[in-house]
Structure formats: C-alpha cells, structure tokens
C-alpha cells in the first residue's frame, strides 16, 4: 500500500481537495501543515516553489491540479470514462479560474493585508468572481442526474467546489441565498459518511 504525505499551508484552499479525496478513500496520510514563516525557509527546496506538494512513496508531485487528477484517478474519482473525466476536468478548470479571480481577497485574509481593506477586497475581487461564474456552475450541477457534477456520481470536482463554496458563502452570505443548489450540494458532499472522522478532527480555518 502506498504511503502519502501532503504538505500545505495551515489552511484548506488548494490543499483541501486532496485531503478530502484521501479521507474519503480511507487512506491514511501524513497531513503536514507548514506555517508561512517555515515555508519561506524551505520554499527553495521545492522545484516549482509552490504548495501543495504530495509525496507518494518518496516521490514528490507538485502543482495542485496535477495532485487532484492523480488522486482522482487512483481512487476512482475522476469519472466513469475518458469523456466524463475530461468533462470534469473542464468543470474543475473553470472553477479554478473563478478561484483565481477571487484570490486577492483570500490572500488578504490568509497572509494579512493593510488593515481596514477587507470589505474593499471582498467587493472588488470575491463578489465579482462569484457573481460571474456561479450561474454556470449551478447550470452544470442541475444538468447532472446524480446530484453531483458527473452523471455517474461523486468525483474530485465535488470536493473542490463544496469546500471552496463553504468558505465563499460565509464570506459572502448575500450570495448564498441566490444559489440554493450549491447549498444542497455542500450538504450532500460534506455529509458523506466516509468524511466524518476527518471533518470532525481537522483544524478549523476560514479558508
């Protein structure tokens, strides 16, 4: 059986989809949470100088999307066939573009920014990103026959979307009521029995 170590910052964001996949699979993993100060010291030791990093049997995989795709394939969460896998990758890529648009707001909170600018950052980055992209995300979800994004059922994309939207709705409650389908999706994903032990024990973070 393979051994896994996931290194990421002490937050969820890009690290959490991998953690959720591993937790859902029932596979034990070493969850290493690196403080910002520690990351500055070891950043140069990573080839791409980014987090998360997944180590599988001593071999490192960097870049979040590569990690998600690898774990999804390994644990049968990529889609039922090549077409569905590609479709889910497209959903994930579109959603990641939305995340990137709202990223300045998240970075302001996680890394700290000039005091008094949180609402400005929320209004100028997070809200436009959500309002622009979520209608298409909901449309994709409603097209599915399973209650998840893929017709065949649960995939890695569900973990990505449900975790991010949990934080996004807390930061933007005025958005939450506009997208009840995503509220139900969060409940569906985060209510999976396989996740409960991990969710009960993970550190609480805003993002």
N, C-alpha and C. Protein backbone atom coordinates (compact mmCIF):
# COMPACT_ATOMS: atom_id res chain seq x y z
N UNK A 1 0.84 -1.20 0.00
CA UNK A 1 0.00 0.00 0.00
C UNK A 1 0.88 1.25 0.00
N UNK A 2 0.54 2.21 -0.84
CA UNK A 2 1.34 3.42 -0.96
C UNK A 2 1.24 4.27 0.30
N UNK A 3 2.30 5.04 0.56
CA UNK A 3 2.29 6.00 1.65
C UNK A 3 2.17 7.40 1.06
N UNK A 4 1.40 8.26 1.74
CA UNK A 4 1.13 9.60 1.24
C UNK A 4 1.48 10.64 2.29
N UNK A 5 2.10 11.72 1.82
CA UNK A 5 2.32 12.90 2.67
C UNK A 5 1.88 14.12 1.87
N UNK A 6 1.03 14.92 2.47
CA UNK A 6 0.59 16.15 1.81
C UNK A 6 1.10 17.34 2.60
N UNK A 7 1.84 18.20 1.93
CA UNK A 7 2.36 19.43 2.54
C UNK A 7 1.58 20.62 2.00
N UNK A 8 1.09 21.44 2.91
CA UNK A 8 0.38 22.65 2.50
C UNK A 8 0.40 23.63 3.66
N UNK A 9 -0.09 24.82 3.40
CA UNK A 9 -0.19 25.85 4.43
C UNK A 9 -1.26 25.47 5.47
N UNK A 10 -1.30 26.16 6.59
CA UNK A 10 -2.30 25.84 7.62
C UNK A 10 -3.68 26.42 7.27
N UNK A 11 -4.15 26.07 6.09
CA UNK A 11 -5.48 26.47 5.64
C UNK A 11 -5.99 25.37 4.71
N UNK A 12 -7.21 25.53 4.19
CA UNK A 12 -7.78 24.48 3.33
C UNK A 12 -7.46 24.78 1.87
N UNK A 13 -8.14 25.70 1.29
CA UNK A 13 -7.97 26.22 -0.07
C UNK A 13 -7.48 25.15 -1.06
N UNK A 14 -6.26 25.26 -1.60
CA UNK A 14 -5.80 24.32 -2.62
C UNK A 14 -5.39 22.96 -2.05
N UNK A 15 -5.20 22.88 -0.76
CA UNK A 15 -4.80 21.60 -0.17
C UNK A 15 -5.98 20.70 0.17
N UNK A 16 -7.15 21.30 0.37
CA UNK A 16 -8.26 20.52 0.91
C UNK A 16 -8.86 19.50 -0.05
N UNK A 17 -8.96 19.78 -1.35
CA UNK A 17 -9.47 18.71 -2.23
C UNK A 17 -8.67 17.42 -2.11
N UNK A 18 -7.35 17.53 -2.03
CA UNK A 18 -6.52 16.32 -1.88
C UNK A 18 -6.77 15.66 -0.53
N UNK A 19 -6.87 16.45 0.53
CA UNK A 19 -7.15 15.88 1.85
C UNK A 19 -8.49 15.15 1.86
N UNK A 20 -9.48 15.75 1.22
CA UNK A 20 -10.81 15.13 1.20
C UNK A 20 -10.83 13.85 0.38
N UNK A 21 -10.13 13.84 -0.74
CA UNK A 21 -10.04 12.61 -1.54
C UNK A 21 -9.41 11.50 -0.72
N UNK A 22 -8.31 11.81 -0.05
CA UNK A 22 -7.62 10.80 0.75
C UNK A 22 -8.49 10.33 1.91
N UNK A 23 -9.17 11.28 2.56
CA UNK A 23 -10.05 10.91 3.67
C UNK A 23 -11.20 10.03 3.18
N UNK A 24 -11.79 10.40 2.06
CA UNK A 24 -12.91 9.63 1.51
C UNK A 24 -12.47 8.22 1.14
N UNK A 25 -11.26 8.10 0.63
CA UNK A 25 -10.76 6.79 0.20
C UNK A 25 -10.44 5.89 1.39
N UNK A 26 -10.35 6.48 2.58
CA UNK A 26 -10.00 5.71 3.76
C UNK A 26 -8.51 5.47 3.89
N UNK A 27 -7.74 6.21 3.10
CA UNK A 27 -6.29 6.02 3.10
C UNK A 27 -5.64 6.98 4.09
N UNK A 28 -4.86 6.46 5.01
CA UNK A 28 -4.14 7.30 5.96
C UNK A 28 -3.09 8.13 5.22
N UNK A 29 -2.90 9.37 5.67
CA UNK A 29 -1.87 10.21 5.06
C UNK A 29 -1.29 11.14 6.11
N UNK A 30 -0.08 11.57 5.85
CA UNK A 30 0.62 12.49 6.73
C UNK A 30 0.24 13.91 6.32
N UNK A 31 -0.53 14.58 7.14
CA UNK A 31 -1.06 15.91 6.84
C UNK A 31 -0.13 16.96 7.45
N UNK A 32 0.80 17.45 6.65
CA UNK A 32 1.82 18.39 7.13
C UNK A 32 1.38 19.81 6.80
N UNK A 33 1.16 20.61 7.83
CA UNK A 33 0.71 22.00 7.65
C UNK A 33 1.87 22.93 7.98
N UNK A 34 2.32 23.64 6.98
CA UNK A 34 3.54 24.44 7.06
C UNK A 34 3.18 25.91 7.29
N UNK A 35 3.74 26.50 8.32
CA UNK A 35 3.46 27.90 8.61
C UNK A 35 4.09 28.79 7.53
N UNK A 36 3.55 29.99 7.32
CA UNK A 36 4.14 30.90 6.33
C UNK A 36 5.63 31.16 6.57
N UNK A 37 6.04 31.31 7.83
CA UNK A 37 7.45 31.55 8.12
C UNK A 37 8.30 30.34 7.76
N UNK A 38 7.80 29.15 8.07
CA UNK A 38 8.53 27.93 7.73
C UNK A 38 8.61 27.76 6.22
N UNK A 39 7.53 28.09 5.52
CA UNK A 39 7.51 27.96 4.06
C UNK A 39 8.58 28.83 3.41
N UNK A 40 8.77 30.02 3.93
CA UNK A 40 9.81 30.90 3.39
C UNK A 40 11.18 30.25 3.47
N UNK A 41 11.39 29.46 4.52
CA UNK A 41 12.70 28.82 4.72
C UNK A 41 12.92 27.64 3.78
N UNK A 42 11.85 26.91 3.46
CA UNK A 42 12.02 25.68 2.67
C UNK A 42 11.54 25.81 1.23
N UNK A 43 11.02 26.97 0.87
CA UNK A 43 10.45 27.16 -0.48
C UNK A 43 11.43 26.80 -1.58
N UNK A 44 12.68 27.19 -1.42
CA UNK A 44 13.68 26.96 -2.47
C UNK A 44 13.99 25.48 -2.67
N UNK A 45 13.59 24.63 -1.72
CA UNK A 45 13.87 23.20 -1.85
C UNK A 45 12.86 22.51 -2.76
N UNK A 46 11.76 23.19 -3.11
CA UNK A 46 10.74 22.63 -3.99
C UNK A 46 10.99 23.11 -5.42
N UNK A 47 10.86 22.21 -6.37
CA UNK A 47 11.21 22.53 -7.76
C UNK A 47 10.40 23.71 -8.28
N UNK A 48 9.07 23.67 -8.10
CA UNK A 48 8.22 24.75 -8.60
C UNK A 48 8.00 25.85 -7.56
N UNK A 49 8.50 25.61 -6.37
CA UNK A 49 8.40 26.57 -5.27
C UNK A 49 6.94 26.95 -4.99
N UNK A 50 6.09 25.94 -4.99
CA UNK A 50 4.67 26.15 -4.69
C UNK A 50 4.18 25.04 -3.77
N UNK A 51 3.06 25.30 -3.13
CA UNK A 51 2.33 24.31 -2.34
C UNK A 51 0.92 24.22 -2.90
N UNK A 52 0.28 23.05 -2.79
CA UNK A 52 0.66 21.85 -2.05
C UNK A 52 1.69 20.99 -2.79
N UNK A 53 2.29 20.09 -2.01
CA UNK A 53 3.17 19.05 -2.55
C UNK A 53 2.70 17.72 -1.97
N UNK A 54 2.48 16.76 -2.85
CA UNK A 54 2.10 15.41 -2.44
C UNK A 54 3.29 14.48 -2.65
N UNK A 55 3.67 13.77 -1.61
CA UNK A 55 4.75 12.79 -1.71
C UNK A 55 4.14 11.39 -1.63
N UNK A 56 4.38 10.61 -2.68
CA UNK A 56 3.86 9.24 -2.77
C UNK A 56 5.03 8.28 -2.82
N UNK A 57 5.17 7.49 -1.77
CA UNK A 57 6.29 6.53 -1.69
C UNK A 57 7.62 7.21 -1.99
N UNK A 58 7.80 8.40 -1.43
CA UNK A 58 9.06 9.12 -1.56
C UNK A 58 9.19 9.98 -2.81
N UNK A 59 8.21 9.93 -3.71
CA UNK A 59 8.27 10.72 -4.94
C UNK A 59 7.31 11.90 -4.85
N UNK A 60 7.84 13.09 -5.14
CA UNK A 60 7.04 14.30 -4.99
C UNK A 60 6.25 14.64 -6.25
N UNK A 61 5.01 15.07 -6.03
CA UNK A 61 4.16 15.62 -7.09
C UNK A 61 3.79 17.03 -6.66
N UNK A 62 4.14 18.00 -7.49
CA UNK A 62 3.80 19.39 -7.20
C UNK A 62 2.70 19.86 -8.14
N UNK A 63 2.14 21.01 -7.83
CA UNK A 63 1.05 21.66 -8.57
C UNK A 63 -0.29 21.02 -8.19
N UNK A 64 -1.17 21.85 -7.69
CA UNK A 64 -2.42 21.36 -7.11
C UNK A 64 -3.27 20.55 -8.09
N UNK A 65 -3.43 21.02 -9.31
CA UNK A 65 -4.29 20.31 -10.25
C UNK A 65 -3.72 18.94 -10.60
N UNK A 66 -2.41 18.86 -10.75
CA UNK A 66 -1.78 17.56 -11.01
C UNK A 66 -2.03 16.60 -9.86
N UNK A 67 -1.97 17.11 -8.65
CA UNK A 67 -2.23 16.28 -7.46
C UNK A 67 -3.67 15.81 -7.45
N UNK A 68 -4.60 16.70 -7.71
CA UNK A 68 -6.02 16.31 -7.70
C UNK A 68 -6.30 15.24 -8.75
N UNK A 69 -5.76 15.44 -9.95
CA UNK A 69 -6.00 14.48 -11.03
C UNK A 69 -5.39 13.12 -10.70
N UNK A 70 -4.20 13.13 -10.15
CA UNK A 70 -3.54 11.87 -9.79
C UNK A 70 -4.37 11.10 -8.76
N UNK A 71 -4.76 11.78 -7.70
CA UNK A 71 -5.52 11.12 -6.64
C UNK A 71 -6.90 10.68 -7.14
N UNK A 72 -7.52 11.50 -7.98
CA UNK A 72 -8.83 11.14 -8.51
C UNK A 72 -8.76 9.85 -9.32
N UNK A 73 -7.75 9.74 -10.14
CA UNK A 73 -7.59 8.51 -10.92
C UNK A 73 -7.30 7.32 -10.02
N UNK A 74 -6.43 7.53 -9.06
CA UNK A 74 -6.02 6.43 -8.20
C UNK A 74 -7.19 5.88 -7.39
N UNK A 75 -8.08 6.76 -6.97
CA UNK A 75 -9.18 6.34 -6.10
C UNK A 75 -10.54 6.37 -6.80
N UNK A 76 -10.51 6.27 -8.13
CA UNK A 76 -11.74 6.15 -8.93
C UNK A 76 -12.71 7.31 -8.71
N UNK A 77 -12.16 8.51 -8.69
CA UNK A 77 -12.98 9.71 -8.53
C UNK A 77 -12.78 10.68 -9.68
N UNK A 78 -12.37 10.16 -10.83
CA UNK A 78 -12.08 11.01 -11.98
C UNK A 78 -13.25 11.08 -12.96
N UNK A 79 -14.15 10.11 -12.92
CA UNK A 79 -15.23 10.00 -13.89
C UNK A 79 -15.29 8.58 -14.41
N UNK A 80 -16.43 8.20 -14.96
CA UNK A 80 -16.64 6.79 -15.33
C UNK A 80 -15.86 6.38 -16.58
N UNK A 81 -15.52 7.35 -17.46
CA UNK A 81 -14.77 7.04 -18.68
C UNK A 81 -13.98 8.27 -19.09
N UNK A 82 -13.27 8.18 -20.21
CA UNK A 82 -12.40 9.28 -20.63
C UNK A 82 -13.18 10.56 -20.92
N UNK A 83 -14.36 10.42 -21.51
CA UNK A 83 -15.17 11.60 -21.82
C UNK A 83 -15.61 12.30 -20.54
N UNK A 84 -16.16 11.54 -19.61
CA UNK A 84 -16.62 12.15 -18.36
C UNK A 84 -15.44 12.73 -17.57
N UNK A 85 -14.32 12.06 -17.61
CA UNK A 85 -13.13 12.59 -16.93
C UNK A 85 -12.74 13.94 -17.51
N UNK A 86 -12.75 14.05 -18.84
CA UNK A 86 -12.41 15.32 -19.49
C UNK A 86 -13.44 16.39 -19.14
N UNK A 87 -14.70 16.01 -19.10
CA UNK A 87 -15.74 16.97 -18.73
C UNK A 87 -15.55 17.48 -17.31
N UNK A 88 -15.20 16.59 -16.40
CA UNK A 88 -14.97 17.00 -15.01
C UNK A 88 -13.72 17.87 -14.90
N UNK A 89 -12.72 17.56 -15.69
CA UNK A 89 -11.52 18.40 -15.69
C UNK A 89 -11.86 19.81 -16.17
N UNK A 90 -12.78 19.90 -17.14
CA UNK A 90 -13.20 21.21 -17.63
C UNK A 90 -13.94 21.99 -16.54
N UNK A 91 -14.81 21.30 -15.81
CA UNK A 91 -15.52 21.96 -14.70
C UNK A 91 -14.51 22.45 -13.66
N UNK A 92 -13.56 21.59 -13.33
CA UNK A 92 -12.55 21.96 -12.35
C UNK A 92 -11.71 23.14 -12.80
N UNK A 93 -11.37 23.17 -14.09
CA UNK A 93 -10.56 24.27 -14.61
C UNK A 93 -11.35 25.58 -14.58
N UNK A 94 -12.61 25.52 -14.97
CA UNK A 94 -13.46 26.71 -14.93
C UNK A 94 -13.60 27.23 -13.50
N UNK A 95 -13.81 26.31 -12.57
CA UNK A 95 -13.97 26.70 -11.18
C UNK A 95 -12.67 27.28 -10.63
N UNK A 96 -11.55 26.70 -11.03
CA UNK A 96 -10.26 27.22 -10.58
C UNK A 96 -10.02 28.63 -11.11
N UNK A 97 -10.47 28.91 -12.33
CA UNK A 97 -10.37 30.28 -12.85
C UNK A 97 -11.14 31.25 -11.97
N UNK A 98 -12.32 30.82 -11.51
CA UNK A 98 -13.10 31.66 -10.60
C UNK A 98 -12.35 31.89 -9.30
N UNK A 99 -11.76 30.83 -8.77
CA UNK A 99 -10.98 30.94 -7.54
C UNK A 99 -9.84 31.94 -7.71
N UNK A 100 -9.17 31.88 -8.85
CA UNK A 100 -8.06 32.79 -9.10
C UNK A 100 -8.53 34.24 -9.14
N UNK A 101 -9.73 34.47 -9.68
CA UNK A 101 -10.26 35.83 -9.73
C UNK A 101 -10.52 36.38 -8.33
N UNK A 102 -10.93 35.51 -7.43
CA UNK A 102 -11.19 35.95 -6.06
C UNK A 102 -9.99 35.83 -5.13
N UNK A 103 -8.88 35.36 -5.67
CA UNK A 103 -7.71 35.06 -4.84
C UNK A 103 -7.16 36.26 -4.07
N UNK A 104 -7.11 37.47 -4.65
CA UNK A 104 -6.57 38.59 -3.87
C UNK A 104 -7.26 38.78 -2.52
N UNK A 105 -8.56 38.51 -2.48
CA UNK A 105 -9.29 38.61 -1.21
C UNK A 105 -8.84 37.54 -0.24
N UNK A 106 -8.69 36.32 -0.72
CA UNK A 106 -8.26 35.22 0.15
C UNK A 106 -6.84 35.48 0.66
N UNK A 107 -5.96 35.93 -0.21
CA UNK A 107 -4.59 36.22 0.20
C UNK A 107 -4.56 37.34 1.25
N UNK A 108 -5.42 38.30 1.09
CA UNK A 108 -5.50 39.39 2.07
C UNK A 108 -5.81 38.84 3.45
N UNK A 109 -6.72 37.85 3.51
CA UNK A 109 -7.10 37.28 4.80
C UNK A 109 -6.05 36.34 5.35
N UNK A 110 -5.50 35.48 4.48
CA UNK A 110 -4.58 34.44 4.94
C UNK A 110 -3.21 35.00 5.29
N UNK A 111 -2.70 35.88 4.44
CA UNK A 111 -1.34 36.41 4.64
C UNK A 111 -1.33 37.74 5.38
N UNK A 112 -2.47 38.37 5.48
CA UNK A 112 -2.54 39.66 6.16
C UNK A 112 -2.32 40.78 5.17
N UNK A 113 -3.12 41.79 5.27
CA UNK A 113 -3.01 42.95 4.39
C UNK A 113 -3.19 44.22 5.17
N UNK A 114 -3.19 45.32 4.45
CA UNK A 114 -3.33 46.61 5.11
C UNK A 114 -4.66 46.66 5.85
N UNK A 115 -4.66 46.99 7.14
CA UNK A 115 -5.90 46.99 7.93
C UNK A 115 -6.98 47.87 7.31
N UNK A 116 -8.22 47.41 7.45
CA UNK A 116 -9.35 48.21 7.01
C UNK A 116 -9.75 48.04 5.56
N UNK A 117 -9.09 47.12 4.85
CA UNK A 117 -9.38 46.97 3.42
C UNK A 117 -10.15 45.68 3.09
N UNK A 118 -10.57 44.93 4.11
CA UNK A 118 -11.21 43.64 3.83
C UNK A 118 -12.46 43.81 2.97
N UNK A 119 -13.33 44.75 3.31
CA UNK A 119 -14.56 44.91 2.55
C UNK A 119 -14.28 45.40 1.13
N UNK A 120 -13.29 46.23 0.99
CA UNK A 120 -12.90 46.69 -0.35
C UNK A 120 -12.44 45.51 -1.20
N UNK A 121 -11.62 44.64 -0.61
CA UNK A 121 -11.13 43.47 -1.33
C UNK A 121 -12.28 42.50 -1.65
N UNK A 122 -13.19 42.36 -0.73
CA UNK A 122 -14.34 41.47 -0.94
C UNK A 122 -15.20 41.98 -2.10
N UNK A 123 -15.47 43.28 -2.10
CA UNK A 123 -16.32 43.87 -3.13
C UNK A 123 -15.64 43.90 -4.50
N UNK A 124 -14.34 44.07 -4.51
CA UNK A 124 -13.65 44.23 -5.79
C UNK A 124 -13.13 42.93 -6.37
N UNK A 125 -13.03 41.87 -5.56
CA UNK A 125 -12.47 40.61 -6.07
C UNK A 125 -13.40 39.41 -5.87
N UNK A 126 -13.79 39.13 -4.62
CA UNK A 126 -14.57 37.92 -4.38
C UNK A 126 -15.96 37.98 -4.99
N UNK A 127 -16.70 39.03 -4.72
CA UNK A 127 -18.09 39.10 -5.20
C UNK A 127 -18.19 39.08 -6.72
N UNK A 128 -17.37 39.85 -7.45
CA UNK A 128 -17.45 39.77 -8.91
C UNK A 128 -17.14 38.37 -9.44
N UNK A 129 -16.18 37.70 -8.83
CA UNK A 129 -15.82 36.35 -9.27
C UNK A 129 -17.00 35.39 -9.08
N UNK A 130 -17.63 35.45 -7.92
CA UNK A 130 -18.76 34.56 -7.64
C UNK A 130 -19.95 34.87 -8.54
N UNK A 131 -20.30 36.13 -8.66
CA UNK A 131 -21.46 36.50 -9.46
C UNK A 131 -21.28 36.17 -10.93
N UNK A 132 -20.06 36.23 -11.40
CA UNK A 132 -19.78 35.96 -12.81
C UNK A 132 -19.84 34.47 -13.14
N UNK A 133 -19.32 33.63 -12.24
CA UNK A 133 -19.10 32.22 -12.57
C UNK A 133 -20.13 31.25 -12.00
N UNK A 134 -20.70 31.56 -10.86
CA UNK A 134 -21.57 30.58 -10.20
C UNK A 134 -22.82 30.19 -11.01
N UNK A 135 -23.42 31.10 -11.79
CA UNK A 135 -24.55 30.65 -12.60
C UNK A 135 -24.21 29.48 -13.51
N UNK A 136 -23.04 29.49 -14.11
CA UNK A 136 -22.64 28.37 -14.97
C UNK A 136 -22.36 27.12 -14.14
N UNK A 137 -21.77 27.29 -12.96
CA UNK A 137 -21.52 26.14 -12.09
C UNK A 137 -22.84 25.48 -11.70
N UNK A 138 -23.82 26.28 -11.36
CA UNK A 138 -25.14 25.75 -10.99
C UNK A 138 -25.79 25.07 -12.19
N UNK A 139 -25.66 25.67 -13.35
CA UNK A 139 -26.22 25.06 -14.57
C UNK A 139 -25.63 23.68 -14.80
N UNK A 140 -24.33 23.54 -14.61
CA UNK A 140 -23.67 22.24 -14.78
C UNK A 140 -24.19 21.24 -13.75
N UNK A 141 -24.35 21.69 -12.52
CA UNK A 141 -24.83 20.80 -11.46
C UNK A 141 -26.26 20.34 -11.75
N UNK A 142 -27.10 21.24 -12.21
CA UNK A 142 -28.50 20.90 -12.48
C UNK A 142 -28.66 19.95 -13.66
N UNK A 143 -27.70 19.98 -14.58
CA UNK A 143 -27.75 19.08 -15.73
C UNK A 143 -27.47 17.63 -15.33
N UNK A 144 -26.76 17.44 -14.25
CA UNK A 144 -26.36 16.09 -13.83
C UNK A 144 -27.55 15.32 -13.27
N UNK A 145 -27.52 14.03 -13.46
CA UNK A 145 -28.60 13.16 -12.98
C UNK A 145 -28.34 12.60 -11.58
N UNK A 146 -27.16 12.90 -11.02
CA UNK A 146 -26.74 12.21 -9.79
C UNK A 146 -26.80 13.05 -8.53
N UNK A 147 -26.92 14.38 -8.68
CA UNK A 147 -26.79 15.25 -7.52
C UNK A 147 -25.37 15.73 -7.31
N UNK A 148 -24.44 15.13 -8.04
CA UNK A 148 -23.06 15.58 -8.09
C UNK A 148 -22.80 16.13 -9.49
N UNK A 149 -21.59 16.56 -9.78
CA UNK A 149 -21.35 17.18 -11.09
C UNK A 149 -21.30 16.18 -12.23
N UNK A 150 -20.92 14.97 -11.97
CA UNK A 150 -20.87 13.93 -13.01
C UNK A 150 -22.14 13.08 -12.94
N UNK A 151 -22.64 12.69 -14.10
CA UNK A 151 -23.82 11.82 -14.12
C UNK A 151 -23.58 10.52 -13.37
N UNK A 152 -22.33 10.05 -13.39
CA UNK A 152 -22.02 8.77 -12.75
C UNK A 152 -21.94 8.86 -11.23
N UNK A 153 -21.84 10.09 -10.70
CA UNK A 153 -21.76 10.25 -9.25
C UNK A 153 -20.57 11.08 -8.81
N UNK A 154 -20.11 10.85 -7.61
CA UNK A 154 -19.08 11.65 -6.96
C UNK A 154 -17.76 11.64 -7.72
N UNK A 155 -17.16 12.84 -7.87
CA UNK A 155 -15.80 12.96 -8.40
C UNK A 155 -15.04 13.99 -7.57
N UNK A 156 -13.77 14.15 -7.89
CA UNK A 156 -12.92 15.10 -7.18
C UNK A 156 -13.46 16.52 -7.27
N UNK A 157 -14.15 16.84 -8.36
CA UNK A 157 -14.68 18.19 -8.55
C UNK A 157 -15.66 18.55 -7.45
N UNK A 158 -16.42 17.59 -6.99
CA UNK A 158 -17.37 17.85 -5.91
C UNK A 158 -16.67 18.29 -4.64
N UNK A 159 -15.52 17.71 -4.34
CA UNK A 159 -14.76 18.12 -3.17
C UNK A 159 -14.23 19.54 -3.34
N UNK A 160 -13.71 19.84 -4.53
CA UNK A 160 -13.18 21.17 -4.81
C UNK A 160 -14.27 22.23 -4.62
N UNK A 161 -15.40 22.02 -5.25
CA UNK A 161 -16.47 23.02 -5.23
C UNK A 161 -17.09 23.14 -3.83
N UNK A 162 -17.40 22.02 -3.21
CA UNK A 162 -18.08 22.06 -1.91
C UNK A 162 -17.21 22.73 -0.85
N UNK A 163 -15.92 22.44 -0.84
CA UNK A 163 -15.07 23.04 0.18
C UNK A 163 -14.91 24.54 -0.04
N UNK A 164 -14.63 24.94 -1.28
CA UNK A 164 -14.45 26.36 -1.55
C UNK A 164 -15.74 27.14 -1.26
N UNK A 165 -16.87 26.60 -1.70
CA UNK A 165 -18.12 27.32 -1.53
C UNK A 165 -18.53 27.41 -0.06
N UNK A 166 -18.11 26.47 0.76
CA UNK A 166 -18.35 26.58 2.20
C UNK A 166 -17.77 27.88 2.73
N UNK A 167 -16.53 28.18 2.34
CA UNK A 167 -15.88 29.42 2.77
C UNK A 167 -16.46 30.63 2.06
N UNK A 168 -16.73 30.49 0.77
CA UNK A 168 -17.22 31.63 -0.01
C UNK A 168 -18.58 32.11 0.51
N UNK A 169 -19.45 31.18 0.85
CA UNK A 169 -20.77 31.57 1.36
C UNK A 169 -20.67 32.25 2.72
N UNK A 170 -19.72 31.83 3.54
CA UNK A 170 -19.53 32.50 4.83
C UNK A 170 -19.02 33.93 4.63
N UNK A 171 -18.15 34.10 3.63
CA UNK A 171 -17.60 35.42 3.36
C UNK A 171 -18.59 36.31 2.61
N UNK A 172 -19.51 35.68 1.88
CA UNK A 172 -20.48 36.44 1.07
C UNK A 172 -21.88 35.88 1.27
N UNK A 173 -22.47 36.07 2.46
CA UNK A 173 -23.80 35.49 2.73
C UNK A 173 -24.88 36.01 1.79
N UNK A 174 -24.67 37.19 1.22
CA UNK A 174 -25.66 37.71 0.28
C UNK A 174 -25.70 36.91 -1.02
N UNK A 175 -24.64 36.16 -1.27
CA UNK A 175 -24.58 35.30 -2.46
C UNK A 175 -25.26 33.96 -2.19
N UNK A 176 -25.18 33.49 -0.96
CA UNK A 176 -25.63 32.14 -0.62
C UNK A 176 -27.08 31.89 -1.00
N UNK A 177 -27.95 32.84 -0.71
CA UNK A 177 -29.38 32.62 -0.96
C UNK A 177 -29.71 32.59 -2.45
N UNK A 178 -28.81 33.08 -3.27
CA UNK A 178 -29.04 33.09 -4.72
C UNK A 178 -28.79 31.72 -5.34
N UNK A 179 -28.08 30.86 -4.62
CA UNK A 179 -27.67 29.58 -5.20
C UNK A 179 -27.99 28.42 -4.26
N UNK A 180 -29.28 28.14 -4.04
CA UNK A 180 -29.65 27.07 -3.11
C UNK A 180 -29.15 25.70 -3.56
N UNK A 181 -28.98 25.53 -4.87
CA UNK A 181 -28.47 24.24 -5.36
C UNK A 181 -27.07 23.95 -4.83
N UNK A 182 -26.26 25.00 -4.70
CA UNK A 182 -24.91 24.80 -4.18
C UNK A 182 -24.93 24.57 -2.67
N UNK A 183 -25.89 25.17 -1.97
CA UNK A 183 -26.04 24.90 -0.54
C UNK A 183 -26.35 23.42 -0.33
N UNK A 184 -27.24 22.88 -1.14
CA UNK A 184 -27.58 21.46 -1.03
C UNK A 184 -26.42 20.57 -1.42
N UNK A 185 -25.67 21.01 -2.41
CA UNK A 185 -24.50 20.24 -2.84
C UNK A 185 -23.47 20.14 -1.72
N UNK A 186 -23.24 21.24 -1.02
CA UNK A 186 -22.31 21.22 0.11
C UNK A 186 -22.77 20.21 1.15
N UNK A 187 -24.06 20.24 1.49
CA UNK A 187 -24.58 19.29 2.48
C UNK A 187 -24.39 17.85 2.01
N UNK A 188 -24.62 17.61 0.73
CA UNK A 188 -24.52 16.27 0.16
C UNK A 188 -23.09 15.75 0.25
N UNK A 189 -22.14 16.61 -0.11
CA UNK A 189 -20.73 16.20 -0.13
C UNK A 189 -20.19 16.08 1.29
N UNK A 190 -20.37 17.11 2.08
CA UNK A 190 -19.80 17.12 3.42
C UNK A 190 -20.54 16.18 4.38
N UNK A 191 -21.68 15.67 3.96
CA UNK A 191 -22.39 14.69 4.77
C UNK A 191 -22.03 13.26 4.47
N UNK A 192 -21.11 13.04 3.53
CA UNK A 192 -20.70 11.68 3.20
C UNK A 192 -20.12 10.98 4.44
N UNK A 193 -20.58 9.79 4.76
CA UNK A 193 -20.10 9.09 5.97
C UNK A 193 -18.58 8.92 6.00
N UNK A 194 -17.98 8.72 4.84
CA UNK A 194 -16.53 8.47 4.78
C UNK A 194 -15.71 9.69 5.20
N UNK A 195 -16.32 10.86 5.21
CA UNK A 195 -15.58 12.09 5.55
C UNK A 195 -15.70 12.50 7.01
N UNK A 196 -16.63 11.90 7.74
CA UNK A 196 -16.98 12.45 9.04
C UNK A 196 -15.84 12.46 10.05
N UNK A 197 -15.07 11.40 10.11
CA UNK A 197 -13.96 11.37 11.07
C UNK A 197 -12.95 12.47 10.76
N UNK A 198 -12.63 12.62 9.48
CA UNK A 198 -11.67 13.67 9.10
C UNK A 198 -12.24 15.05 9.41
N UNK A 199 -13.49 15.31 9.03
CA UNK A 199 -14.08 16.63 9.23
C UNK A 199 -14.17 16.99 10.71
N UNK A 200 -14.42 16.01 11.55
CA UNK A 200 -14.54 16.27 12.98
C UNK A 200 -13.20 16.61 13.62
N UNK A 201 -12.12 16.19 13.00
CA UNK A 201 -10.80 16.35 13.61
C UNK A 201 -9.89 17.36 12.91
N UNK A 202 -10.28 17.85 11.75
CA UNK A 202 -9.40 18.78 11.04
C UNK A 202 -9.41 20.14 11.73
N UNK A 203 -8.33 20.90 11.62
CA UNK A 203 -8.28 22.24 12.21
C UNK A 203 -9.32 23.15 11.56
N UNK A 204 -9.92 24.02 12.33
CA UNK A 204 -10.90 24.97 11.79
C UNK A 204 -10.18 26.17 11.19
N UNK A 205 -10.46 26.46 9.94
CA UNK A 205 -9.90 27.63 9.28
C UNK A 205 -10.98 28.28 8.43
N UNK A 206 -10.83 29.58 8.18
CA UNK A 206 -11.82 30.28 7.36
C UNK A 206 -11.73 29.86 5.90
N UNK A 207 -10.52 29.58 5.43
CA UNK A 207 -10.29 29.19 4.03
C UNK A 207 -9.37 28.00 3.99
